[in-house]
Amino acid sequence: MKLRDINQFLLVLSIAFGIPGAITVASAENSAAINLEQRGREALKTESYSEALRNFAEASTMTSDAEVRARLNFRQAVTLQQIAIKGETGDAQAQLKRAARLFQSFLLTHPDSAAAANNLAKTFEQLGNLIARESAAGEARRYYEIADQNYQ
């Protein structure tokens, strides 16, 4: 039986039988995820982007709450943008593409989010700039066109 199934079963029992103080494993997971999110936010304040990304990613995998996961994925995407801009670690192109996927995923559940749409557009613009420097004009143009479609 999966953890999520157990949590749902415990929640149904606590509601049906009025068991006071019934605590599910899911609430403990969400609490731990929110704690990691806070640590990630603190890391962002000190521009420790790699640490922030690790915290957001770990928290995203622990929570069973779809809304919390979406918010954590949005934070990961913003952090990946910052890592790519600062040239902190790794392959900037891969980081920007991952950020774009996370923003697109967030927009599936939050289609009215101007912040996510604009960040997605900025990510594609950054990809275009990066690729243009690498003399891949056709691919850069494609990213600029995608960016233009996403700006609000």
C-alpha atoms as a PDB file:
ATOM      1  CA  MET A   1       0.000   0.000   0.000  1.00  0.00           C
ATOM      2  CA  LYS A   2       1.403   3.395  -0.949  1.00  0.00           C
ATOM      3  CA  LEU A   3       2.019   6.151   1.593  1.00  0.00           C
ATOM      4  CA  ARG A   4      -0.580   8.375  -0.070  1.00  0.00           C
ATOM      5  CA  ASP A   5      -3.191   5.567   0.224  1.00  0.00           C
ATOM      6  CA  ILE A   6      -2.369   5.116   3.895  1.00  0.00           C
ATOM      7  CA  ASN A   7      -2.687   8.864   4.478  1.00  0.00           C
ATOM      8  CA  GLN A   8      -6.063   8.986   2.767  1.00  0.00           C
ATOM      9  CA  PHE A   9      -7.248   5.971   4.763  1.00  0.00           C
ATOM     10  CA  LEU A  10      -6.149   7.578   8.045  1.00  0.00           C
ATOM     11  CA  LEU A  11      -7.834  10.846   7.111  1.00  0.00           C
ATOM     12  CA  VAL A  12     -11.116   9.081   6.265  1.00  0.00           C
ATOM     13  CA  LEU A  13     -10.994   7.171   9.571  1.00  0.00           C
ATOM     14  CA  SER A  14     -10.303  10.318  11.571  1.00  0.00           C
ATOM     15  CA  ILE A  15     -13.195  12.145   9.893  1.00  0.00           C
ATOM     16  CA  ALA A  16     -15.618   9.202  10.057  1.00  0.00           C
ATOM     17  CA  PHE A  17     -14.960   8.333  13.691  1.00  0.00           C
ATOM     18  CA  GLY A  18     -14.036  11.786  14.950  1.00  0.00           C
ATOM     19  CA  ILE A  19     -10.674  10.675  16.274  1.00  0.00           C
ATOM     20  CA  PRO A  20      -9.272  13.802  17.921  1.00  0.00           C
ATOM     21  CA  GLY A  21      -5.732  14.795  17.101  1.00  0.00           C
ATOM     22  CA  ALA A  22      -5.333  12.277  14.293  1.00  0.00           C
ATOM     23  CA  ILE A  23      -2.135  13.249  12.527  1.00  0.00           C
ATOM     24  CA  THR A  24      -1.434  11.866   9.107  1.00  0.00           C
ATOM     25  CA  VAL A  25       1.957  11.189   7.657  1.00  0.00           C
ATOM     26  CA  ALA A  26       1.055  13.607   4.856  1.00  0.00           C
ATOM     27  CA  SER A  27       0.827  16.537   7.250  1.00  0.00           C
ATOM     28  CA  ALA A  28       4.274  15.671   8.618  1.00  0.00           C
ATOM     29  CA  GLU A  29       5.628  15.466   5.046  1.00  0.00           C
ATOM     30  CA  ASN A  30       4.100  18.834   4.155  1.00  0.00           C
ATOM     31  CA  SER A  31       5.503  20.355   7.326  1.00  0.00           C
ATOM     32  CA  ALA A  32       8.985  19.086   6.443  1.00  0.00           C
ATOM     33  CA  ALA A  33       8.569  20.342   2.874  1.00  0.00           C
ATOM     34  CA  ILE A  34       7.534  23.790   4.082  1.00  0.00           C
ATOM     35  CA  ASN A  35      10.533  23.838   6.435  1.00  0.00           C
ATOM     36  CA  LEU A  36      12.831  23.031   3.495  1.00  0.00           C
ATOM     37  CA  GLU A  37      11.089  25.708   1.426  1.00  0.00           C
ATOM     38  CA  GLN A  38      11.831  28.272   4.142  1.00  0.00           C
ATOM     39  CA  ARG A  39      15.488  27.186   4.215  1.00  0.00           C
ATOM     40  CA  GLY A  40      15.564  27.567   0.436  1.00  0.00           C
ATOM     41  CA  ARG A  41      14.124  31.066   0.662  1.00  0.00           C
ATOM     42  CA  GLU A  42      16.759  31.987   3.260  1.00  0.00           C
ATOM     43  CA  ALA A  43      19.467  30.617   0.950  1.00  0.00           C
ATOM     44  CA  LEU A  44      18.135  32.826  -1.866  1.00  0.00           C
ATOM     45  CA  LYS A  45      18.508  35.902   0.339  1.00  0.00           C
ATOM     46  CA  THR A  46      22.222  35.158   0.653  1.00  0.00           C
ATOM     47  CA  GLU A  47      22.482  34.252  -3.044  1.00  0.00           C
ATOM     48  CA  SER A  48      23.327  30.632  -2.205  1.00  0.00           C
ATOM     49  CA  TYR A  49      21.474  29.461  -5.293  1.00  0.00           C
ATOM     50  CA  SER A  50      22.718  25.873  -5.360  1.00  0.00           C
ATOM     51  CA  GLU A  51      21.657  25.361  -1.753  1.00  0.00           C
ATOM     52  CA  ALA A  52      18.264  26.959  -2.438  1.00  0.00           C
ATOM     53  CA  LEU A  53      17.751  24.710  -5.454  1.00  0.00           C
ATOM     54  CA  ARG A  54      18.598  21.592  -3.433  1.00  0.00           C
ATOM     55  CA  ASN A  55      16.123  22.582  -0.711  1.00  0.00           C
ATOM     56  CA  PHE A  56      13.301  23.359  -3.154  1.00  0.00           C
ATOM     57  CA  ALA A  57      13.898  20.160  -5.141  1.00  0.00           C
ATOM     58  CA  GLU A  58      13.982  17.957  -2.048  1.00  0.00           C
ATOM     59  CA  ALA A  59      10.864  19.601  -0.629  1.00  0.00           C
ATOM     60  CA  SER A  60       9.050  19.134  -3.947  1.00  0.00           C
ATOM     61  CA  THR A  61       9.698  15.393  -3.885  1.00  0.00           C
ATOM     62  CA  MET A  62       8.504  14.999  -0.280  1.00  0.00           C
ATOM     63  CA  THR A  63       5.156  16.739  -0.404  1.00  0.00           C
ATOM     64  CA  SER A  64       1.941  15.109  -1.494  1.00  0.00           C
ATOM     65  CA  ASP A  65       0.137  18.460  -1.727  1.00  0.00           C
ATOM     66  CA  ALA A  66      -0.125  19.435  -5.409  1.00  0.00           C
ATOM     67  CA  GLU A  67      -0.333  23.171  -4.643  1.00  0.00           C
ATOM     68  CA  VAL A  68       2.772  23.091  -2.441  1.00  0.00           C
ATOM     69  CA  ARG A  69       4.610  21.071  -5.113  1.00  0.00           C
ATOM     70  CA  ALA A  70       3.632  23.587  -7.814  1.00  0.00           C
ATOM     71  CA  ARG A  71       4.904  26.481  -5.685  1.00  0.00           C
ATOM     72  CA  LEU A  72       8.176  24.649  -4.988  1.00  0.00           C
ATOM     73  CA  ASN A  73       8.643  23.895  -8.675  1.00  0.00           C
ATOM     74  CA  PHE A  74       8.063  27.584  -9.468  1.00  0.00           C
ATOM     75  CA  ARG A  75      10.752  28.475  -6.909  1.00  0.00           C
ATOM     76  CA  GLN A  76      13.103  25.915  -8.484  1.00  0.00           C
ATOM     77  CA  ALA A  77      12.562  27.486 -11.886  1.00  0.00           C
ATOM     78  CA  VAL A  78      13.325  31.002 -10.625  1.00  0.00           C
ATOM     79  CA  THR A  79      16.423  29.680  -8.860  1.00  0.00           C
ATOM     80  CA  LEU A  80      17.607  27.902 -12.018  1.00  0.00           C
ATOM     81  CA  GLN A  81      17.252  31.198 -13.899  1.00  0.00           C
ATOM     82  CA  GLN A  82      19.448  32.890 -11.307  1.00  0.00           C
ATOM     83  CA  ILE A  83      22.055  30.125 -11.433  1.00  0.00           C
ATOM     84  CA  ALA A  84      22.191  30.391 -15.234  1.00  0.00           C
ATOM     85  CA  ILE A  85      22.487  34.205 -15.150  1.00  0.00           C
ATOM     86  CA  LYS A  86      25.233  34.160 -12.530  1.00  0.00           C
ATOM     87  CA  GLY A  87      27.036  31.306 -14.261  1.00  0.00           C
ATOM     88  CA  GLU A  88      27.299  29.719 -10.820  1.00  0.00           C
ATOM     89  CA  THR A  89      27.477  26.065 -11.836  1.00  0.00           C
ATOM     90  CA  GLY A  90      26.912  23.699 -14.697  1.00  0.00           C
ATOM     91  CA  ASP A  91      25.413  24.063 -18.125  1.00  0.00           C
ATOM     92  CA  ALA A  92      23.413  27.312 -18.363  1.00  0.00           C
ATOM     93  CA  GLN A  93      21.507  26.084 -21.418  1.00  0.00           C
ATOM     94  CA  ALA A  94      20.362  22.914 -19.604  1.00  0.00           C
ATOM     95  CA  GLN A  95      19.420  24.939 -16.508  1.00  0.00           C
ATOM     96  CA  LEU A  96      17.321  27.362 -18.566  1.00  0.00           C
ATOM     97  CA  LYS A  97      15.584  24.529 -20.406  1.00  0.00           C
ATOM     98  CA  ARG A  98      14.756  22.867 -17.072  1.00  0.00           C
ATOM     99  CA  ALA A  99      13.472  26.208 -15.736  1.00  0.00           C
ATOM    100  CA  ALA A 100      11.262  26.567 -18.827  1.00  0.00           C
ATOM    101  CA  ARG A 101       9.778  23.094 -18.266  1.00  0.00           C
ATOM    102  CA  LEU A 102       9.042  23.933 -14.628  1.00  0.00           C
ATOM    103  CA  PHE A 103       7.399  27.250 -15.563  1.00  0.00           C
ATOM    104  CA  GLN A 104       5.320  25.493 -18.235  1.00  0.00           C
ATOM    105  CA  SER A 105       4.246  22.886 -15.683  1.00  0.00           C
ATOM    106  CA  PHE A 106       3.252  25.626 -13.238  1.00  0.00           C
ATOM    107  CA  LEU A 107       1.239  27.381 -15.946  1.00  0.00           C
ATOM    108  CA  LEU A 108      -0.778  24.201 -16.560  1.00  0.00           C
ATOM    109  CA  THR A 109      -2.298  24.544 -13.093  1.00  0.00           C
ATOM    110  CA  HIS A 110      -2.040  28.350 -12.814  1.00  0.00           C
ATOM    111  CA  PRO A 111      -2.804  29.631 -16.338  1.00  0.00           C
ATOM    112  CA  ASP A 112      -3.493  33.186 -15.139  1.00  0.00           C
ATOM    113  CA  SER A 113      -0.098  33.624 -13.493  1.00  0.00           C
ATOM    114  CA  ALA A 114       1.487  36.642 -15.169  1.00  0.00           C
ATOM    115  CA  ALA A 115       4.643  36.099 -13.118  1.00  0.00           C
ATOM    116  CA  ALA A 116       5.085  32.559 -14.442  1.00  0.00           C
ATOM    117  CA  ALA A 117       4.287  33.591 -18.028  1.00  0.00           C
ATOM    118  CA  ASN A 118       6.753  36.482 -17.907  1.00  0.00           C
ATOM    119  CA  ASN A 119       9.431  34.347 -16.269  1.00  0.00           C
ATOM    120  CA  LEU A 120       8.885  31.704 -18.950  1.00  0.00           C
ATOM    121  CA  ALA A 121       9.248  34.362 -21.641  1.00  0.00           C
ATOM    122  CA  LYS A 122      12.397  35.719 -19.973  1.00  0.00           C
ATOM    123  CA  THR A 123      13.797  32.180 -19.794  1.00  0.00           C
ATOM    124  CA  PHE A 124      13.292  31.703 -23.538  1.00  0.00           C
ATOM    125  CA  GLU A 125      14.824  35.126 -24.173  1.00  0.00           C
ATOM    126  CA  GLN A 126      17.855  34.135 -22.079  1.00  0.00           C
ATOM    127  CA  LEU A 127      18.105  30.861 -24.022  1.00  0.00           C
ATOM    128  CA  GLY A 128      17.996  32.839 -27.258  1.00  0.00           C
ATOM    129  CA  ASN A 129      20.761  35.159 -26.069  1.00  0.00           C
ATOM    130  CA  LEU A 130      22.889  32.255 -24.918  1.00  0.00           C
ATOM    131  CA  ILE A 131      22.480  30.354 -28.165  1.00  0.00           C
ATOM    132  CA  ALA A 132      23.018  33.493 -30.274  1.00  0.00           C
ATOM    133  CA  ARG A 133      26.441  33.858 -28.616  1.00  0.00           C
ATOM    134  CA  GLU A 134      27.143  30.280 -29.724  1.00  0.00           C
ATOM    135  CA  SER A 135      26.395  31.208 -33.359  1.00  0.00           C
ATOM    136  CA  ALA A 136      23.216  29.150 -33.663  1.00  0.00           C
ATOM    137  CA  ALA A 137      21.063  31.950 -35.074  1.00  0.00           C
ATOM    138  CA  GLY A 138      18.158  29.752 -36.238  1.00  0.00           C
ATOM    139  CA  GLU A 139      17.734  28.136 -32.839  1.00  0.00           C
ATOM    140  CA  ALA A 140      18.122  31.509 -31.103  1.00  0.00           C
ATOM    141  CA  ARG A 141      15.395  32.992 -33.310  1.00  0.00           C
ATOM    142  CA  ARG A 142      13.083  30.118 -32.341  1.00  0.00           C
ATOM    143  CA  TYR A 143      13.568  30.901 -28.648  1.00  0.00           C
ATOM    144  CA  TYR A 144      12.968  34.625 -29.235  1.00  0.00           C
ATOM    145  CA  GLU A 145       9.686  33.780 -30.984  1.00  0.00           C
ATOM    146  CA  ILE A 146       8.604  31.589 -28.067  1.00  0.00           C
ATOM    147  CA  ALA A 147       9.573  34.370 -25.649  1.00  0.00           C
ATOM    148  CA  ASP A 148       7.495  36.879 -27.614  1.00  0.00           C
ATOM    149  CA  GLN A 149       4.453  34.583 -27.433  1.00  0.00           C
ATOM    150  CA  ASN A 150       4.728  34.287 -23.632  1.00  0.00           C
ATOM    151  CA  TYR A 151       5.259  37.874 -22.531  1.00  0.00           C
ATOM    152  CA  GLN A 152       2.125  39.384 -20.967  1.00  0.00           C
END
